Amino acid sequence: MASFTPFDMAVDDLKRLNTYVVQGMDVIRGVAADICSVGTGDTVNEEVEELKSCTEAVIKEEYDAASFVEAASHLKIHARHATEAGHQLDWKQELASAYEATRQRQGNAANHMAYKDVLRITSRGEEEVTSSQGADDIIMTEDLGNTQWKDPITQKDIEVPVKNTKCGHIYDKSSISIYIKGTRHPRCPYLGCANKTQLNIKDLVDDHFVARILSERSQPKD
């Protein structure tokens, strides 16, 4: 059986891509907040539409990368079975078919947390957000100035926000680090989170957008 090492390296690169996708979404959220704080009139509307398009494009990159990773796992399983059975496998065709099948199951970008964030920040599409959200997304409709980010472990205000790249939940950096190191099989500590995969430090990235809001909130007002 041929070595999958180069293939696995490519898959690992795609997994790491998700970190940059999350950071890119943070940049978009920051730009959205800036536009809405200084702009007026039709210019803002045009820029908001461009931001929404950018957000959809980034989400598509995230979905496509996830689809390839899933298809790669499918291919390796089938390749092993084919080898054990003494059959020939058209790897290229098998990967293409598996990739297309996973792409067909991709979610709607409008239901992605990042897209809802942009709608909320720009005060656009409030009805669209409300109609598509679940119970755990209700906090996302609150005004940014009033939103409270509580660490799910300590129930204290978050000081240094980090985001789980797999489910999007935000924790305090110190709290979640201690939790991961001291728990045998750590998972996202948010009650009811659908992400059941084991939580690793490498799954966390700094949430620059939330950090910015917390920093601005702490500044004395004139």
Protein backbone atom coordinates (compact mmCIF):
# COMPACT_ATOMS: atom_id res chain seq x y z
CA MET A 1 0.00 0.00 0.00
CA ALA A 2 1.35 3.43 -1.00
CA SER A 3 2.41 5.89 1.68
CA PHE A 4 -0.14 8.51 2.66
CA THR A 5 2.47 10.77 4.27
CA PRO A 6 2.43 13.57 1.64
CA PHE A 7 -1.35 13.32 1.51
CA ASP A 8 -1.62 13.57 5.29
CA MET A 9 0.64 16.63 5.28
CA ALA A 10 -1.69 18.36 2.82
CA VAL A 11 -4.68 17.49 5.00
CA ASP A 12 -2.90 18.89 8.07
CA ASP A 13 -2.30 22.13 6.16
CA LEU A 14 -6.03 22.40 5.46
CA LYS A 15 -6.81 21.81 9.12
CA ARG A 16 -4.46 24.66 10.05
CA LEU A 17 -6.20 26.83 7.47
CA ASN A 18 -9.20 26.98 9.78
CA THR A 19 -7.16 29.04 12.25
CA TYR A 20 -6.58 31.70 9.60
CA VAL A 21 -10.22 31.55 8.54
CA VAL A 22 -11.32 32.35 12.09
CA GLN A 23 -8.84 35.21 12.30
CA GLY A 24 -10.05 36.51 8.94
CA MET A 25 -13.60 36.57 10.24
CA ASP A 26 -12.40 38.57 13.25
CA VAL A 27 -10.90 41.13 10.86
CA ILE A 28 -14.19 41.38 8.97
CA ARG A 29 -16.12 41.91 12.19
CA GLY A 30 -13.71 44.67 13.20
CA VAL A 31 -14.05 46.40 9.83
CA ALA A 32 -17.84 46.14 10.08
CA ALA A 33 -17.79 47.85 13.47
CA ASP A 34 -15.51 50.60 12.13
CA ILE A 35 -17.67 51.24 9.09
CA CYS A 36 -20.84 51.52 11.13
CA SER A 37 -19.23 53.82 13.69
CA VAL A 38 -17.95 56.41 11.21
CA GLY A 39 -19.92 56.00 7.98
CA THR A 40 -23.32 57.29 6.91
CA GLY A 41 -25.76 56.98 4.04
CA ASP A 42 -25.59 54.84 0.93
CA THR A 43 -21.82 54.42 1.17
CA VAL A 44 -22.26 52.42 4.36
CA ASN A 45 -24.92 50.26 2.73
CA GLU A 46 -22.60 49.44 -0.16
CA GLU A 47 -19.70 48.63 2.14
CA VAL A 48 -21.91 46.47 4.34
CA GLU A 49 -23.00 44.46 1.30
CA GLU A 50 -19.34 43.98 0.33
CA LEU A 51 -18.54 42.79 3.85
CA LYS A 52 -21.39 40.31 3.72
CA SER A 53 -20.04 38.97 0.42
CA CYS A 54 -16.54 38.70 1.92
CA THR A 55 -17.94 36.85 4.91
CA GLU A 56 -19.77 34.38 2.67
CA ALA A 57 -16.56 33.79 0.69
CA VAL A 58 -14.53 33.10 3.84
CA ILE A 59 -17.23 30.75 5.14
CA LYS A 60 -17.17 28.89 1.81
CA GLU A 61 -13.40 28.44 2.17
CA GLU A 62 -13.96 27.01 5.64
CA TYR A 63 -16.67 24.63 4.40
CA ASP A 64 -14.63 23.52 1.36
CA ALA A 65 -11.57 22.78 3.50
CA ALA A 66 -13.70 20.79 5.95
CA SER A 67 -15.24 18.88 3.03
CA PHE A 68 -11.81 17.91 1.71
CA VAL A 69 -10.62 16.77 5.14
CA GLU A 70 -13.71 14.58 5.47
CA ALA A 71 -13.27 13.24 1.94
CA ALA A 72 -9.62 12.45 2.67
CA SER A 73 -10.61 10.37 5.68
CA HIS A 74 -13.15 8.53 3.51
CA LEU A 75 -10.49 7.83 0.87
CA LYS A 76 -8.00 6.36 3.36
CA ILE A 77 -10.62 3.98 4.75
CA HIS A 78 -11.63 2.80 1.27
CA ALA A 79 -8.00 2.48 0.18
CA ARG A 80 -7.24 0.25 3.15
CA HIS A 81 -10.28 -1.93 2.48
CA ALA A 82 -9.41 -2.19 -1.23
CA THR A 83 -5.84 -3.21 -0.43
CA GLU A 84 -6.98 -5.85 2.05
CA ALA A 85 -9.39 -7.24 -0.55
CA GLY A 86 -6.76 -7.18 -3.30
CA HIS A 87 -8.74 -4.69 -5.41
CA GLN A 88 -7.54 -1.75 -7.45
CA LEU A 89 -8.88 1.65 -6.44
CA ASP A 90 -9.06 4.76 -8.58
CA TRP A 91 -7.92 7.08 -5.79
CA LYS A 92 -8.41 10.27 -7.78
CA GLN A 93 -11.98 9.41 -8.73
CA GLU A 94 -12.78 8.16 -5.22
CA LEU A 95 -11.50 11.38 -3.64
CA ALA A 96 -13.39 13.55 -6.13
CA SER A 97 -16.64 11.66 -5.52
CA ALA A 98 -16.27 11.79 -1.74
CA TYR A 99 -15.43 15.51 -1.86
CA GLU A 100 -18.47 16.31 -3.98
CA ALA A 101 -20.71 14.29 -1.66
CA THR A 102 -19.49 16.19 1.40
CA ARG A 103 -19.87 19.54 -0.40
CA GLN A 104 -23.51 18.75 -1.03
CA ARG A 105 -24.02 18.61 2.73
CA GLN A 106 -22.46 22.00 3.41
CA GLY A 107 -24.49 24.36 5.53
CA ASN A 108 -25.96 27.69 4.49
CA ALA A 109 -23.56 30.58 5.07
CA ALA A 110 -26.46 32.65 6.40
CA ASN A 111 -26.69 30.27 9.37
CA HIS A 112 -22.99 30.57 10.23
CA MET A 113 -22.17 32.42 13.45
CA ALA A 114 -19.74 34.75 11.66
CA TYR A 115 -22.40 35.83 9.16
CA LYS A 116 -24.89 36.47 11.96
CA ASP A 117 -22.22 38.53 13.69
CA VAL A 118 -21.85 40.81 10.67
CA LEU A 119 -25.62 41.23 10.43
CA ARG A 120 -25.82 42.05 14.11
CA ILE A 121 -22.90 44.48 14.10
CA THR A 122 -24.26 46.37 11.13
CA SER A 123 -27.84 46.26 12.43
CA ARG A 124 -28.89 44.68 9.16
CA GLY A 125 -31.23 41.79 8.59
CA GLU A 126 -32.44 41.58 12.20
CA GLU A 127 -35.45 39.53 11.14
CA GLU A 128 -33.20 37.20 9.11
CA VAL A 129 -30.99 36.53 12.13
CA THR A 130 -33.88 36.00 14.51
CA SER A 131 -35.72 33.58 12.23
CA SER A 132 -32.70 31.30 11.72
CA GLN A 133 -31.13 31.25 15.17
CA GLY A 134 -31.30 28.59 17.85
CA ALA A 135 -31.68 29.07 21.57
CA ASP A 136 -27.92 29.21 22.10
CA ASP A 137 -27.61 32.08 19.61
CA ILE A 138 -30.03 34.45 21.33
CA ILE A 139 -27.20 36.35 23.00
CA MET A 140 -25.91 37.21 19.55
CA THR A 141 -28.84 39.58 18.95
CA GLU A 142 -27.92 41.79 21.87
CA ASP A 143 -26.32 45.17 21.34
CA LEU A 144 -22.53 44.95 21.36
CA GLY A 145 -22.26 47.53 24.08
CA ASN A 146 -24.40 45.45 26.42
CA THR A 147 -23.10 41.98 25.60
CA GLN A 148 -21.45 40.24 28.54
CA TRP A 149 -18.81 37.64 27.80
CA LYS A 150 -18.75 35.19 30.70
CA ASP A 151 -16.30 32.33 30.97
CA PRO A 152 -18.32 29.06 31.06
CA ILE A 153 -15.99 27.53 33.65
CA THR A 154 -15.53 30.30 36.21
CA GLN A 155 -18.69 32.27 35.34
CA LYS A 156 -16.54 35.40 35.64
CA ASP A 157 -16.09 38.12 33.03
CA ILE A 158 -13.66 37.09 30.32
CA GLU A 159 -10.39 39.02 30.45
CA VAL A 160 -8.39 37.51 27.60
CA PRO A 161 -10.79 36.02 25.03
CA VAL A 162 -9.89 32.98 22.96
CA LYS A 163 -12.15 31.25 20.47
CA ASN A 164 -12.66 27.56 19.77
CA THR A 165 -12.09 27.23 16.02
CA LYS A 166 -14.34 24.18 15.86
CA CYS A 167 -17.52 25.55 17.45
CA GLY A 168 -16.90 29.28 17.80
CA HIS A 169 -17.42 29.47 21.56
CA ILE A 170 -15.33 31.97 23.51
CA TYR A 171 -13.50 31.34 26.79
CA ASP A 172 -11.07 33.13 29.07
CA LYS A 173 -7.55 32.11 28.05
CA SER A 174 -6.30 31.33 31.55
CA SER A 175 -9.41 29.43 32.59
CA ILE A 176 -9.65 27.23 29.50
CA SER A 177 -5.90 26.46 29.58
CA ILE A 178 -6.16 25.19 33.16
CA TYR A 179 -9.28 23.20 32.25
CA ILE A 180 -7.60 21.51 29.27
CA LYS A 181 -4.45 20.61 31.21
CA GLY A 182 -6.37 19.29 34.21
CA THR A 183 -9.09 17.32 32.42
CA ARG A 184 -8.58 13.86 30.99
CA HIS A 185 -10.92 14.24 28.01
CA PRO A 186 -11.72 17.96 27.75
CA ARG A 187 -14.54 19.14 25.51
CA CYS A 188 -16.16 22.49 24.92
CA PRO A 189 -17.45 23.44 28.40
CA TYR A 190 -20.52 25.25 27.07
CA LEU A 191 -23.65 23.38 28.10
CA GLY A 192 -25.39 21.86 25.10
CA CYS A 193 -22.55 22.52 22.64
CA ALA A 194 -22.87 20.18 19.65
CA ASN A 195 -19.09 19.98 19.29
CA LYS A 196 -18.19 16.71 21.02
CA THR A 197 -14.60 16.45 19.80
CA GLN A 198 -11.75 16.54 22.29
CA LEU A 199 -10.57 20.08 22.99
CA ASN A 200 -6.89 20.89 22.47
CA ILE A 201 -4.88 24.06 23.00
CA LYS A 202 -4.20 24.13 19.25
CA ASP A 203 -7.96 24.53 18.65
CA LEU A 204 -7.89 27.96 20.32
CA VAL A 205 -7.09 31.30 18.71
CA ASP A 206 -7.10 34.79 20.17
CA ASP A 207 -10.40 36.58 19.51
CA HIS A 208 -9.13 40.01 18.55
CA PHE A 209 -12.59 41.41 17.91
CA VAL A 210 -13.96 40.62 21.36
CA ALA A 211 -10.65 41.73 22.90
CA ARG A 212 -11.07 45.06 21.17
CA ILE A 213 -14.59 45.52 22.50
CA LEU A 214 -13.51 44.64 26.03
CA SER A 215 -10.60 47.06 25.79
CA GLU A 216 -12.80 49.90 24.53
CA ARG A 217 -15.35 49.19 27.24
CA SER A 218 -12.68 49.47 29.93
CA GLN A 219 -11.56 52.91 28.74
CA PRO A 220 -12.87 55.86 30.77
CA LYS A 221 -15.65 57.73 29.01
CA ASP A 222 -15.47 61.47 28.53
